[in-house]
Amino acid sequence: HEIKNPLVALKTFTQLLPERYGDPEFRDTFFNLVGHEITRIDSIVNRLLGFARPVAPSMVRVSLHRVLGDSLQLVKQQAAGVGVSVERRFDAASDVILGDEDLLKQAFLNFLLNAVEAMPDGGVLGVTTAQTSAEAPDAPGNGPRERIVVSIADTGKGIRPDDMQHVFDPFFTTKSTGTGLGLSVAHGILQEHQAGIDVSSEVGLGTTFSLSFPLAGEQEERSA
């Protein structure tokens, strides 16, 4: 599943290349993405090989808005292909967190592609950010601090109440295809980033994942 995500992007751009090769902007985007996604596949394979001995993330100051923007760019064509429009609104005044950029992008892609797949007949994918001072919703007791909340919302089929508690379970899926590892992997990545996760859903109306990251202090940086 993790390898399939970048392969889908590569396949989409390759299919569009013959008819849009004359478009300089498309060519630049295509060539940049090919190199980047091949590198990402190589990184994912290496992580799978070391699954029994996970590599600790390298935490540095990173712009979450930039990572989100890059992730949205990668799913834009696939979303358009099934009639899904993308709406983004980055309202958070601060967006710098301590994070591993590759892992964050992997997590966001899993959430974004999951949202797109929940709307096979079209819909709206909304990605917003906001700044707040609060505890992580699933990690109470640590006290409030400035956080950036990323909301990824779809207008898809929603999640049944009985399935909500299993959303992040490894190998759990309601799809006819897929391994059920995408959201489980994303959940693990967010835990490494001390991020809180809140899920709200209504069958037939859609689902929203709210991801809450602690903002980095001015001098804060560490390696896990």
N, C-alpha and C. Protein backbone atom coordinates (compact mmCIF):
# COMPACT_ATOMS: atom_id res chain seq x y z
N HIS A 1 0.84 -1.20 0.00
CA HIS A 1 0.00 0.00 0.00
C HIS A 1 0.88 1.25 0.00
N GLU A 2 1.91 1.24 0.84
CA GLU A 2 2.77 2.42 0.92
C GLU A 2 3.54 2.64 -0.37
N ILE A 3 3.88 1.57 -1.06
CA ILE A 3 4.58 1.70 -2.34
C ILE A 3 3.60 2.08 -3.44
N LYS A 4 2.37 1.61 -3.31
CA LYS A 4 1.36 1.89 -4.33
C LYS A 4 1.04 3.37 -4.43
N ASN A 5 1.06 4.07 -3.29
CA ASN A 5 0.73 5.50 -3.31
C ASN A 5 1.60 6.29 -4.28
N PRO A 6 2.95 6.24 -4.16
CA PRO A 6 3.77 6.97 -5.14
C PRO A 6 3.67 6.40 -6.55
N LEU A 7 3.42 5.09 -6.68
CA LEU A 7 3.27 4.50 -8.01
C LEU A 7 2.03 5.04 -8.71
N VAL A 8 0.98 5.31 -7.94
CA VAL A 8 -0.24 5.89 -8.53
C VAL A 8 0.06 7.26 -9.11
N ALA A 9 0.83 8.06 -8.37
CA ALA A 9 1.20 9.39 -8.86
C ALA A 9 2.04 9.28 -10.13
N LEU A 10 3.02 8.36 -10.12
CA LEU A 10 3.87 8.17 -11.30
C LEU A 10 3.05 7.70 -12.50
N LYS A 11 2.13 6.78 -12.26
CA LYS A 11 1.30 6.26 -13.35
C LYS A 11 0.43 7.36 -13.95
N THR A 12 -0.16 8.18 -13.06
CA THR A 12 -1.04 9.25 -13.52
C THR A 12 -0.29 10.24 -14.40
N PHE A 13 0.87 10.69 -13.94
CA PHE A 13 1.65 11.66 -14.71
C PHE A 13 2.19 11.04 -16.00
N THR A 14 2.55 9.76 -15.96
CA THR A 14 3.03 9.10 -17.17
C THR A 14 1.93 9.01 -18.22
N GLN A 15 0.71 8.73 -17.79
CA GLN A 15 -0.41 8.64 -18.72
C GLN A 15 -0.73 10.00 -19.35
N LEU A 16 -0.52 11.07 -18.58
CA LEU A 16 -0.82 12.40 -19.08
C LEU A 16 0.32 13.00 -19.91
N LEU A 17 1.51 12.42 -19.78
CA LEU A 17 2.68 13.00 -20.42
C LEU A 17 2.55 13.16 -21.94
N PRO A 18 2.07 12.14 -22.69
CA PRO A 18 2.01 12.31 -24.16
C PRO A 18 1.18 13.50 -24.61
N GLU A 19 0.05 13.76 -23.94
CA GLU A 19 -0.83 14.84 -24.39
C GLU A 19 -0.46 16.19 -23.80
N ARG A 20 0.36 16.20 -22.74
CA ARG A 20 0.69 17.47 -22.11
C ARG A 20 2.19 17.76 -22.11
N TYR A 21 2.92 17.02 -22.94
CA TYR A 21 4.37 17.21 -22.96
C TYR A 21 4.75 18.63 -23.39
N GLY A 22 3.89 19.25 -24.21
CA GLY A 22 4.17 20.60 -24.68
C GLY A 22 3.96 21.67 -23.63
N ASP A 23 3.43 21.30 -22.49
CA ASP A 23 3.19 22.24 -21.41
C ASP A 23 4.43 22.29 -20.52
N PRO A 24 5.21 23.39 -20.55
CA PRO A 24 6.45 23.46 -19.77
C PRO A 24 6.22 23.27 -18.27
N GLU A 25 5.16 23.85 -17.74
CA GLU A 25 4.88 23.73 -16.30
C GLU A 25 4.62 22.28 -15.93
N PHE A 26 3.84 21.58 -16.78
CA PHE A 26 3.57 20.17 -16.51
C PHE A 26 4.84 19.35 -16.58
N ARG A 27 5.69 19.63 -17.58
CA ARG A 27 6.95 18.89 -17.72
C ARG A 27 7.83 19.07 -16.50
N ASP A 28 7.95 20.30 -16.03
CA ASP A 28 8.78 20.57 -14.86
C ASP A 28 8.24 19.83 -13.64
N THR A 29 6.91 19.89 -13.46
CA THR A 29 6.30 19.19 -12.33
C THR A 29 6.51 17.69 -12.44
N PHE A 30 6.32 17.17 -13.66
CA PHE A 30 6.46 15.73 -13.89
C PHE A 30 7.86 15.24 -13.57
N PHE A 31 8.86 15.92 -14.13
CA PHE A 31 10.23 15.46 -13.94
C PHE A 31 10.66 15.57 -12.48
N ASN A 32 10.23 16.62 -11.80
CA ASN A 32 10.56 16.75 -10.38
C ASN A 32 9.91 15.64 -9.56
N LEU A 33 8.64 15.35 -9.88
CA LEU A 33 7.92 14.35 -9.12
C LEU A 33 8.48 12.95 -9.34
N VAL A 34 8.87 12.64 -10.57
CA VAL A 34 9.40 11.31 -10.86
C VAL A 34 10.61 11.01 -9.98
N GLY A 35 11.56 11.94 -9.97
CA GLY A 35 12.75 11.73 -9.16
C GLY A 35 12.42 11.62 -7.69
N HIS A 36 11.53 12.49 -7.24
CA HIS A 36 11.17 12.50 -5.82
C HIS A 36 10.45 11.22 -5.43
N GLU A 37 9.50 10.77 -6.24
CA GLU A 37 8.72 9.60 -5.89
C GLU A 37 9.54 8.32 -5.96
N ILE A 38 10.48 8.25 -6.89
CA ILE A 38 11.37 7.08 -6.95
C ILE A 38 12.22 7.02 -5.68
N THR A 39 12.70 8.18 -5.26
CA THR A 39 13.47 8.24 -4.02
C THR A 39 12.60 7.81 -2.84
N ARG A 40 11.33 8.22 -2.86
CA ARG A 40 10.43 7.87 -1.76
C ARG A 40 10.15 6.37 -1.74
N ILE A 41 9.97 5.76 -2.92
CA ILE A 41 9.76 4.32 -2.98
C ILE A 41 10.97 3.59 -2.40
N ASP A 42 12.15 4.06 -2.77
CA ASP A 42 13.37 3.44 -2.25
C ASP A 42 13.41 3.55 -0.73
N SER A 43 13.01 4.72 -0.22
CA SER A 43 13.00 4.92 1.23
C SER A 43 11.99 4.00 1.90
N ILE A 44 10.82 3.84 1.28
CA ILE A 44 9.78 2.98 1.86
C ILE A 44 10.23 1.53 1.88
N VAL A 45 10.86 1.08 0.79
CA VAL A 45 11.35 -0.30 0.74
C VAL A 45 12.37 -0.53 1.85
N ASN A 46 13.26 0.43 2.04
CA ASN A 46 14.25 0.30 3.10
C ASN A 46 13.59 0.24 4.48
N ARG A 47 12.51 1.03 4.65
CA ARG A 47 11.80 1.01 5.93
C ARG A 47 11.10 -0.33 6.14
N LEU A 48 10.54 -0.89 5.07
CA LEU A 48 9.90 -2.20 5.17
C LEU A 48 10.91 -3.27 5.54
N LEU A 49 12.09 -3.19 4.92
CA LEU A 49 13.13 -4.17 5.23
C LEU A 49 13.55 -4.08 6.69
N GLY A 50 13.47 -2.87 7.24
CA GLY A 50 13.84 -2.70 8.63
C GLY A 50 12.64 -2.63 9.55
N PHE A 51 11.51 -3.20 9.13
CA PHE A 51 10.27 -3.08 9.90
C PHE A 51 10.42 -3.64 11.32
N ALA A 52 11.16 -4.74 11.45
CA ALA A 52 11.33 -5.34 12.76
C ALA A 52 12.21 -4.48 13.67
N ARG A 53 13.01 -3.62 13.05
CA ARG A 53 13.87 -2.71 13.82
C ARG A 53 13.64 -1.30 13.30
N PRO A 54 12.51 -0.68 13.67
CA PRO A 54 12.14 0.64 13.13
C PRO A 54 13.24 1.67 13.36
N VAL A 55 13.44 2.51 12.34
CA VAL A 55 14.41 3.60 12.45
C VAL A 55 13.73 4.81 13.08
N ALA A 56 14.35 5.36 14.10
CA ALA A 56 13.77 6.53 14.78
C ALA A 56 13.76 7.72 13.82
N PRO A 57 12.69 8.52 13.84
CA PRO A 57 12.62 9.68 12.96
C PRO A 57 13.66 10.73 13.33
N SER A 58 14.09 11.47 12.35
CA SER A 58 15.01 12.57 12.58
C SER A 58 14.19 13.85 12.67
N MET A 59 14.10 14.42 13.86
CA MET A 59 13.20 15.54 14.10
C MET A 59 13.94 16.88 13.95
N VAL A 60 13.53 17.65 12.97
CA VAL A 60 14.10 18.98 12.75
C VAL A 60 12.95 19.96 12.53
N ARG A 61 13.25 21.24 12.51
CA ARG A 61 12.22 22.24 12.28
C ARG A 61 11.74 22.15 10.82
N VAL A 62 10.44 22.04 10.64
CA VAL A 62 9.88 21.88 9.30
C VAL A 62 8.58 22.67 9.18
N SER A 63 8.34 23.21 7.99
CA SER A 63 7.10 23.94 7.72
C SER A 63 6.00 22.95 7.35
N LEU A 64 4.99 22.86 8.22
CA LEU A 64 3.91 21.91 7.97
C LEU A 64 3.09 22.33 6.75
N HIS A 65 2.93 23.62 6.52
CA HIS A 65 2.19 24.09 5.35
C HIS A 65 2.87 23.65 4.06
N ARG A 66 4.18 23.70 4.05
CA ARG A 66 4.91 23.28 2.84
C ARG A 66 4.74 21.78 2.60
N VAL A 67 4.85 20.98 3.67
CA VAL A 67 4.68 19.54 3.54
C VAL A 67 3.27 19.20 3.06
N LEU A 68 2.28 19.88 3.63
CA LEU A 68 0.89 19.67 3.21
C LEU A 68 0.70 20.05 1.75
N GLY A 69 1.26 21.19 1.35
CA GLY A 69 1.14 21.63 -0.03
C GLY A 69 1.74 20.63 -0.99
N ASP A 70 2.92 20.09 -0.67
CA ASP A 70 3.56 19.09 -1.51
C ASP A 70 2.71 17.82 -1.60
N SER A 71 2.13 17.43 -0.48
CA SER A 71 1.30 16.23 -0.45
C SER A 71 0.04 16.41 -1.29
N LEU A 72 -0.57 17.58 -1.19
CA LEU A 72 -1.76 17.86 -1.99
C LEU A 72 -1.45 17.85 -3.48
N GLN A 73 -0.28 18.36 -3.84
CA GLN A 73 0.12 18.36 -5.24
C GLN A 73 0.19 16.93 -5.79
N LEU A 74 0.62 16.01 -4.96
CA LEU A 74 0.78 14.62 -5.39
C LEU A 74 -0.55 13.91 -5.61
N VAL A 75 -1.60 14.33 -4.89
CA VAL A 75 -2.89 13.65 -5.05
C VAL A 75 -3.85 14.42 -5.94
N LYS A 76 -3.44 15.60 -6.38
CA LYS A 76 -4.34 16.47 -7.15
C LYS A 76 -4.88 15.80 -8.41
N GLN A 77 -4.00 15.17 -9.17
CA GLN A 77 -4.44 14.54 -10.43
C GLN A 77 -5.36 13.36 -10.16
N GLN A 78 -5.04 12.54 -9.17
CA GLN A 78 -5.88 11.40 -8.86
C GLN A 78 -7.26 11.87 -8.40
N ALA A 79 -7.30 12.93 -7.60
CA ALA A 79 -8.58 13.47 -7.13
C ALA A 79 -9.41 13.96 -8.31
N ALA A 80 -8.77 14.71 -9.20
CA ALA A 80 -9.49 15.23 -10.37
C ALA A 80 -10.03 14.10 -11.24
N GLY A 81 -9.30 12.99 -11.29
CA GLY A 81 -9.70 11.87 -12.12
C GLY A 81 -11.00 11.21 -11.70
N VAL A 82 -11.39 11.36 -10.43
CA VAL A 82 -12.65 10.79 -9.95
C VAL A 82 -13.65 11.89 -9.59
N GLY A 83 -13.39 13.10 -10.07
CA GLY A 83 -14.34 14.19 -9.85
C GLY A 83 -14.30 14.80 -8.47
N VAL A 84 -13.17 14.69 -7.79
CA VAL A 84 -13.03 15.27 -6.45
C VAL A 84 -12.31 16.62 -6.56
N SER A 85 -12.94 17.66 -6.07
CA SER A 85 -12.30 18.97 -6.04
C SER A 85 -11.58 19.16 -4.72
N VAL A 86 -10.47 19.88 -4.77
CA VAL A 86 -9.65 20.08 -3.58
C VAL A 86 -9.77 21.54 -3.13
N GLU A 87 -10.12 21.72 -1.87
CA GLU A 87 -10.20 23.05 -1.28
C GLU A 87 -9.21 23.13 -0.12
N ARG A 88 -8.31 24.11 -0.16
CA ARG A 88 -7.33 24.27 0.91
C ARG A 88 -7.42 25.66 1.51
N ARG A 89 -7.24 25.72 2.82
CA ARG A 89 -7.23 27.00 3.51
C ARG A 89 -6.29 26.88 4.70
N PHE A 90 -5.14 27.48 4.56
CA PHE A 90 -4.12 27.40 5.61
C PHE A 90 -4.18 28.69 6.45
N ASP A 91 -4.91 28.64 7.55
CA ASP A 91 -5.13 29.83 8.38
C ASP A 91 -4.18 29.93 9.57
N ALA A 92 -3.46 28.86 9.88
CA ALA A 92 -2.57 28.90 11.04
C ALA A 92 -1.49 29.96 10.84
N ALA A 93 -1.32 30.83 11.82
CA ALA A 93 -0.31 31.89 11.71
C ALA A 93 1.10 31.33 11.80
N SER A 94 1.28 30.27 12.59
CA SER A 94 2.57 29.59 12.70
C SER A 94 2.40 28.15 12.25
N ASP A 95 3.41 27.61 11.58
CA ASP A 95 3.28 26.25 11.07
C ASP A 95 4.55 25.42 11.25
N VAL A 96 5.51 25.94 12.00
CA VAL A 96 6.78 25.23 12.18
C VAL A 96 6.67 24.24 13.33
N ILE A 97 6.93 22.98 13.04
CA ILE A 97 6.92 21.93 14.06
C ILE A 97 8.24 21.18 14.00
N LEU A 98 8.46 20.33 14.99
CA LEU A 98 9.59 19.41 14.94
C LEU A 98 9.09 18.14 14.27
N GLY A 99 9.69 17.79 13.13
CA GLY A 99 9.18 16.63 12.42
C GLY A 99 10.17 16.05 11.44
N ASP A 100 9.84 14.86 10.98
CA ASP A 100 10.58 14.18 9.92
C ASP A 100 9.77 14.37 8.64
N GLU A 101 10.28 15.17 7.71
CA GLU A 101 9.50 15.57 6.54
C GLU A 101 9.02 14.38 5.72
N ASP A 102 9.88 13.40 5.49
CA ASP A 102 9.48 12.24 4.68
C ASP A 102 8.36 11.46 5.36
N LEU A 103 8.48 11.26 6.68
CA LEU A 103 7.44 10.53 7.39
C LEU A 103 6.13 11.30 7.42
N LEU A 104 6.21 12.61 7.62
CA LEU A 104 5.00 13.42 7.63
C LEU A 104 4.29 13.37 6.28
N LYS A 105 5.07 13.46 5.21
CA LYS A 105 4.47 13.40 3.88
C LYS A 105 3.80 12.05 3.65
N GLN A 106 4.44 10.99 4.12
CA GLN A 106 3.86 9.66 4.00
C GLN A 106 2.53 9.58 4.75
N ALA A 107 2.49 10.14 5.96
CA ALA A 107 1.26 10.12 6.75
C ALA A 107 0.16 10.93 6.07
N PHE A 108 0.48 12.15 5.62
CA PHE A 108 -0.52 12.99 4.98
C PHE A 108 -1.05 12.35 3.70
N LEU A 109 -0.18 11.74 2.92
CA LEU A 109 -0.62 11.07 1.69
C LEU A 109 -1.60 9.95 2.01
N ASN A 110 -1.35 9.22 3.08
CA ASN A 110 -2.27 8.15 3.46
C ASN A 110 -3.65 8.72 3.81
N PHE A 111 -3.68 9.81 4.58
CA PHE A 111 -4.96 10.42 4.92
C PHE A 111 -5.66 10.99 3.67
N LEU A 112 -4.90 11.67 2.81
CA LEU A 112 -5.48 12.30 1.63
C LEU A 112 -6.00 11.27 0.64
N LEU A 113 -5.22 10.23 0.38
CA LEU A 113 -5.66 9.20 -0.55
C LEU A 113 -6.84 8.41 0.01
N ASN A 114 -6.85 8.20 1.31
CA ASN A 114 -7.99 7.54 1.94
C ASN A 114 -9.26 8.37 1.73
N ALA A 115 -9.12 9.69 1.84
CA ALA A 115 -10.27 10.58 1.64
C ALA A 115 -10.75 10.53 0.19
N VAL A 116 -9.81 10.56 -0.75
CA VAL A 116 -10.18 10.50 -2.17
C VAL A 116 -10.88 9.18 -2.48
N GLU A 117 -10.36 8.08 -1.95
CA GLU A 117 -10.95 6.77 -2.21
C GLU A 117 -12.33 6.63 -1.59
N ALA A 118 -12.64 7.46 -0.60
CA ALA A 118 -13.98 7.43 0.01
C ALA A 118 -15.01 8.16 -0.84
N MET A 119 -14.55 8.81 -1.94
CA MET A 119 -15.45 9.57 -2.82
C MET A 119 -15.31 9.10 -4.27
N PRO A 120 -15.61 7.84 -4.57
CA PRO A 120 -15.44 7.32 -5.93
C PRO A 120 -16.32 8.00 -6.97
N ASP A 121 -17.39 8.63 -6.51
CA ASP A 121 -18.31 9.32 -7.42
C ASP A 121 -18.17 10.83 -7.36
N GLY A 122 -17.04 11.29 -6.84
CA GLY A 122 -16.81 12.72 -6.76
C GLY A 122 -17.16 13.29 -5.40
N GLY A 123 -16.70 14.50 -5.16
CA GLY A 123 -16.97 15.15 -3.89
C GLY A 123 -15.97 16.26 -3.64
N VAL A 124 -15.81 16.62 -2.40
CA VAL A 124 -14.91 17.72 -2.02
C VAL A 124 -13.94 17.23 -0.96
N LEU A 125 -12.67 17.47 -1.20
CA LEU A 125 -11.62 17.20 -0.22
C LEU A 125 -11.17 18.54 0.34
N GLY A 126 -11.39 18.75 1.62
CA GLY A 126 -11.02 20.01 2.25
C GLY A 126 -9.86 19.83 3.20
N VAL A 127 -8.84 20.67 3.06
CA VAL A 127 -7.68 20.61 3.94
C VAL A 127 -7.47 22.00 4.53
N THR A 128 -7.56 22.10 5.84
CA THR A 128 -7.43 23.40 6.51
C THR A 128 -6.45 23.29 7.67
N THR A 129 -5.91 24.43 8.05
CA THR A 129 -5.09 24.48 9.26
C THR A 129 -5.56 25.64 10.14
N ALA A 130 -5.39 25.48 11.42
CA ALA A 130 -5.74 26.52 12.38
C ALA A 130 -4.78 26.40 13.56
N GLN A 131 -4.63 27.50 14.26
CA GLN A 131 -3.74 27.50 15.43
C GLN A 131 -4.58 27.58 16.69
N THR A 132 -4.17 26.82 17.70
CA THR A 132 -4.93 26.80 18.94
C THR A 132 -3.98 26.56 20.11
N SER A 133 -4.47 26.81 21.29
CA SER A 133 -3.72 26.50 22.51
C SER A 133 -4.54 25.48 23.28
N ALA A 134 -4.09 24.23 23.22
CA ALA A 134 -4.87 23.16 23.83
C ALA A 134 -4.01 21.94 24.02
N GLU A 135 -4.54 20.97 24.77
CA GLU A 135 -3.92 19.68 24.90
C GLU A 135 -4.23 18.86 23.66
N ALA A 136 -3.41 17.86 23.39
CA ALA A 136 -3.72 16.92 22.32
C ALA A 136 -4.98 16.16 22.71
N PRO A 137 -5.94 15.98 21.79
CA PRO A 137 -7.21 15.34 22.15
C PRO A 137 -7.07 13.92 22.67
N ASP A 138 -6.01 13.19 22.25
CA ASP A 138 -5.86 11.82 22.73
C ASP A 138 -4.65 11.68 23.66
N ALA A 139 -4.12 12.81 24.14
CA ALA A 139 -2.98 12.76 25.07
C ALA A 139 -3.17 13.79 26.17
N PRO A 140 -4.25 13.65 26.97
CA PRO A 140 -4.50 14.62 28.04
C PRO A 140 -3.48 14.51 29.16
N GLY A 141 -3.37 15.57 29.92
CA GLY A 141 -2.49 15.53 31.08
C GLY A 141 -1.16 16.20 30.86
N ASN A 142 -0.82 16.50 29.59
CA ASN A 142 0.46 17.14 29.31
C ASN A 142 0.39 18.66 29.36
N GLY A 143 -0.81 19.19 29.58
CA GLY A 143 -0.97 20.63 29.66
C GLY A 143 -1.12 21.26 28.28
N PRO A 144 -1.76 22.42 28.21
CA PRO A 144 -1.95 23.08 26.91
C PRO A 144 -0.66 23.69 26.39
N ARG A 145 -0.54 23.75 25.08
CA ARG A 145 0.56 24.46 24.42
C ARG A 145 0.08 24.86 23.04
N GLU A 146 0.80 25.77 22.42
CA GLU A 146 0.39 26.21 21.09
C GLU A 146 0.51 25.04 20.11
N ARG A 147 -0.55 24.85 19.35
CA ARG A 147 -0.59 23.72 18.43
C ARG A 147 -1.13 24.18 17.09
N ILE A 148 -0.80 23.41 16.04
CA ILE A 148 -1.40 23.61 14.73
C ILE A 148 -2.28 22.40 14.45
N VAL A 149 -3.53 22.67 14.09
CA VAL A 149 -4.49 21.60 13.82
C VAL A 149 -4.72 21.50 12.32
N VAL A 150 -4.45 20.32 11.78
CA VAL A 150 -4.68 20.05 10.36
C VAL A 150 -5.97 19.23 10.25
N SER A 151 -6.94 19.75 9.51
CA SER A 151 -8.20 19.03 9.30
C SER A 151 -8.28 18.55 7.86
N ILE A 152 -8.50 17.26 7.70
CA ILE A 152 -8.65 16.65 6.37
C ILE A 152 -10.05 16.09 6.31
N ALA A 153 -10.91 16.72 5.51
CA ALA A 153 -12.33 16.37 5.48
C ALA A 153 -12.75 15.92 4.08
N ASP A 154 -13.59 14.91 4.04
CA ASP A 154 -14.15 14.46 2.76
C ASP A 154 -15.67 14.44 2.85
N THR A 155 -16.31 14.41 1.70
CA THR A 155 -17.77 14.33 1.64
C THR A 155 -18.17 12.95 1.14
N GLY A 156 -17.44 11.94 1.59
CA GLY A 156 -17.65 10.58 1.13
C GLY A 156 -18.70 9.81 1.91
N LYS A 157 -18.53 8.50 1.90
CA LYS A 157 -19.56 7.61 2.46
C LYS A 157 -19.56 7.55 3.98
N GLY A 158 -18.51 8.04 4.62
CA GLY A 158 -18.46 8.04 6.06
C GLY A 158 -18.06 6.69 6.64
N ILE A 159 -17.89 6.66 7.95
CA ILE A 159 -17.47 5.45 8.65
C ILE A 159 -18.58 4.99 9.57
N ARG A 160 -18.92 3.73 9.50
CA ARG A 160 -19.97 3.19 10.37
C ARG A 160 -19.53 3.25 11.83
N PRO A 161 -20.46 3.51 12.75
CA PRO A 161 -20.10 3.60 14.17
C PRO A 161 -19.34 2.39 14.68
N ASP A 162 -19.72 1.19 14.24
CA ASP A 162 -19.06 -0.03 14.70
C ASP A 162 -17.61 -0.11 14.22
N ASP A 163 -17.31 0.60 13.14
CA ASP A 163 -15.96 0.54 12.57
C ASP A 163 -15.03 1.62 13.12
N MET A 164 -15.57 2.63 13.79
CA MET A 164 -14.77 3.78 14.22
C MET A 164 -13.59 3.36 15.10
N GLN A 165 -13.82 2.41 16.01
CA GLN A 165 -12.76 2.03 16.94
C GLN A 165 -11.65 1.23 16.27
N HIS A 166 -11.89 0.79 15.03
CA HIS A 166 -10.91 -0.04 14.33
C HIS A 166 -10.19 0.71 13.21
N VAL A 167 -10.47 2.00 13.06
CA VAL A 167 -9.95 2.75 11.91
C VAL A 167 -8.43 2.65 11.79
N PHE A 168 -7.74 2.66 12.93
CA PHE A 168 -6.27 2.65 12.89
C PHE A 168 -5.68 1.27 13.18
N ASP A 169 -6.52 0.24 13.23
CA ASP A 169 -6.02 -1.11 13.46
C ASP A 169 -5.28 -1.63 12.22
N PRO A 170 -4.12 -2.25 12.40
CA PRO A 170 -3.41 -2.83 11.25
C PRO A 170 -4.27 -3.88 10.54
N PHE A 171 -4.28 -3.82 9.23
CA PHE A 171 -4.96 -4.77 8.36
C PHE A 171 -6.48 -4.65 8.39
N PHE A 172 -7.02 -3.64 9.07
CA PHE A 172 -8.46 -3.43 9.04
C PHE A 172 -8.81 -2.56 7.84
N THR A 173 -9.73 -3.03 7.00
CA THR A 173 -10.18 -2.26 5.85
C THR A 173 -11.58 -2.68 5.47
N THR A 174 -12.36 -1.73 4.98
CA THR A 174 -13.69 -2.03 4.46
C THR A 174 -13.70 -2.01 2.94
N LYS A 175 -12.50 -1.85 2.34
CA LYS A 175 -12.39 -1.78 0.89
C LYS A 175 -12.17 -3.17 0.30
N SER A 176 -12.56 -3.32 -0.96
CA SER A 176 -12.36 -4.60 -1.63
C SER A 176 -10.90 -4.83 -1.97
N THR A 177 -10.14 -3.75 -2.06
CA THR A 177 -8.70 -3.85 -2.30
C THR A 177 -7.97 -3.08 -1.22
N GLY A 178 -6.70 -3.36 -1.07
CA GLY A 178 -5.91 -2.67 -0.06
C GLY A 178 -5.58 -3.58 1.11
N THR A 179 -4.54 -3.24 1.84
CA THR A 179 -4.08 -4.08 2.94
C THR A 179 -4.56 -3.59 4.30
N GLY A 180 -5.09 -2.38 4.37
CA GLY A 180 -5.52 -1.85 5.66
C GLY A 180 -4.37 -1.37 6.51
N LEU A 181 -3.24 -1.05 5.88
CA LEU A 181 -2.08 -0.59 6.63
C LEU A 181 -1.89 0.93 6.58
N GLY A 182 -2.53 1.58 5.62
CA GLY A 182 -2.28 3.01 5.40
C GLY A 182 -2.51 3.87 6.62
N LEU A 183 -3.70 3.80 7.19
CA LEU A 183 -4.01 4.65 8.35
C LEU A 183 -3.28 4.18 9.60
N SER A 184 -3.01 2.88 9.68
CA SER A 184 -2.25 2.37 10.81
C SER A 184 -0.83 2.93 10.81
N VAL A 185 -0.21 2.93 9.64
CA VAL A 185 1.13 3.49 9.51
C VAL A 185 1.10 4.98 9.82
N ALA A 186 0.10 5.69 9.29
CA ALA A 186 -0.02 7.13 9.53
C ALA A 186 -0.19 7.42 11.02
N HIS A 187 -0.97 6.60 11.70
CA HIS A 187 -1.19 6.77 13.13
C HIS A 187 0.12 6.64 13.90
N GLY A 188 0.93 5.65 13.53
CA GLY A 188 2.22 5.48 14.18
C GLY A 188 3.14 6.66 13.97
N ILE A 189 3.13 7.21 12.75
CA ILE A 189 3.96 8.37 12.45
C ILE A 189 3.53 9.57 13.29
N LEU A 190 2.23 9.76 13.42
CA LEU A 190 1.73 10.90 14.21
C LEU A 190 2.08 10.74 15.68
N GLN A 191 2.04 9.51 16.17
CA GLN A 191 2.44 9.29 17.56
C GLN A 191 3.90 9.68 17.78
N GLU A 192 4.76 9.38 16.80
CA GLU A 192 6.17 9.75 16.89
C GLU A 192 6.33 11.28 16.95
N HIS A 193 5.35 12.00 16.39
CA HIS A 193 5.40 13.47 16.36
C HIS A 193 4.57 14.09 17.48
N GLN A 194 4.18 13.29 18.46
CA GLN A 194 3.38 13.77 19.60
C GLN A 194 2.12 14.49 19.12
N ALA A 195 1.54 14.00 18.07
CA ALA A 195 0.35 14.61 17.49
C ALA A 195 -0.91 13.92 18.01
N GLY A 196 -1.92 14.70 18.28
CA GLY A 196 -3.21 14.16 18.67
C GLY A 196 -4.06 13.90 17.43
N ILE A 197 -4.96 12.94 17.52
CA ILE A 197 -5.83 12.58 16.40
C ILE A 197 -7.26 12.51 16.88
N ASP A 198 -8.14 13.18 16.15
CA ASP A 198 -9.57 13.12 16.45
C ASP A 198 -10.30 12.80 15.15
N VAL A 199 -11.25 11.88 15.21
CA VAL A 199 -12.00 11.47 14.02
C VAL A 199 -13.48 11.70 14.26
N SER A 200 -14.12 12.36 13.31
CA SER A 200 -15.58 12.51 13.35
C SER A 200 -16.13 12.08 12.01
N SER A 201 -17.25 11.38 12.03
CA SER A 201 -17.79 10.86 10.77
C SER A 201 -19.29 10.63 10.89
N GLU A 202 -19.95 10.78 9.78
CA GLU A 202 -21.38 10.49 9.70
C GLU A 202 -21.64 9.74 8.40
N VAL A 203 -22.23 8.59 8.50
CA VAL A 203 -22.48 7.75 7.34
C VAL A 203 -23.27 8.52 6.29
N GLY A 204 -22.76 8.52 5.07
CA GLY A 204 -23.42 9.20 3.98
C GLY A 204 -23.05 10.66 3.82
N LEU A 205 -22.37 11.23 4.80
CA LEU A 205 -22.03 12.66 4.74
C LEU A 205 -20.53 12.92 4.69
N GLY A 206 -19.73 12.03 5.26
CA GLY A 206 -18.29 12.23 5.17
C GLY A 206 -17.57 12.07 6.49
N THR A 207 -16.26 12.27 6.42
CA THR A 207 -15.38 12.04 7.56
C THR A 207 -14.36 13.17 7.67
N THR A 208 -14.02 13.53 8.88
CA THR A 208 -12.98 14.53 9.12
C THR A 208 -11.96 13.99 10.11
N PHE A 209 -10.69 14.02 9.70
CA PHE A 209 -9.58 13.69 10.59
C PHE A 209 -8.93 15.00 11.01
N SER A 210 -8.85 15.23 12.32
CA SER A 210 -8.20 16.42 12.85
C SER A 210 -6.90 16.00 13.52
N LEU A 211 -5.79 16.52 13.02
CA LEU A 211 -4.46 16.14 13.48
C LEU A 211 -3.83 17.35 14.16
N SER A 212 -3.48 17.21 15.42
CA SER A 212 -3.01 18.34 16.23
C SER A 212 -1.54 18.17 16.57
N PHE A 213 -0.69 19.08 16.05
CA PHE A 213 0.76 19.01 16.25
C PHE A 213 1.23 20.14 17.17
N PRO A 214 2.12 19.84 18.11
CA PRO A 214 2.70 20.92 18.91
C PRO A 214 3.64 21.77 18.07
N LEU A 215 3.48 23.08 18.15
CA LEU A 215 4.37 23.98 17.42
C LEU A 215 5.75 24.00 18.07
N ALA A 216 6.77 24.20 17.25
CA ALA A 216 8.14 24.22 17.76
C ALA A 216 8.45 25.59 18.35
N GLY A 217 9.22 25.58 19.44
CA GLY A 217 9.72 26.83 19.99
C GLY A 217 10.79 27.42 19.10
N GLU A 218 11.17 28.64 19.34
CA GLU A 218 12.13 29.34 18.48
C GLU A 218 13.45 28.60 18.34
N GLN A 219 13.95 28.02 19.43
CA GLN A 219 15.25 27.37 19.40
C GLN A 219 15.14 25.85 19.48
N GLU A 220 13.92 25.35 19.42
CA GLU A 220 13.71 23.94 19.68
C GLU A 220 14.10 23.08 18.50
N GLU A 221 14.88 22.05 18.74
CA GLU A 221 15.25 21.07 17.72
C GLU A 221 15.85 19.88 18.44
N ARG A 222 15.52 18.70 17.95
CA ARG A 222 16.10 17.52 18.56
C ARG A 222 16.14 16.39 17.56
N SER A 223 16.90 15.36 17.84
CA SER A 223 16.94 14.15 17.04
C SER A 223 16.47 13.01 17.92
N ALA A 224 15.42 12.31 17.45
CA ALA A 224 14.88 11.20 18.26
C ALA A 224 15.73 9.96 18.06
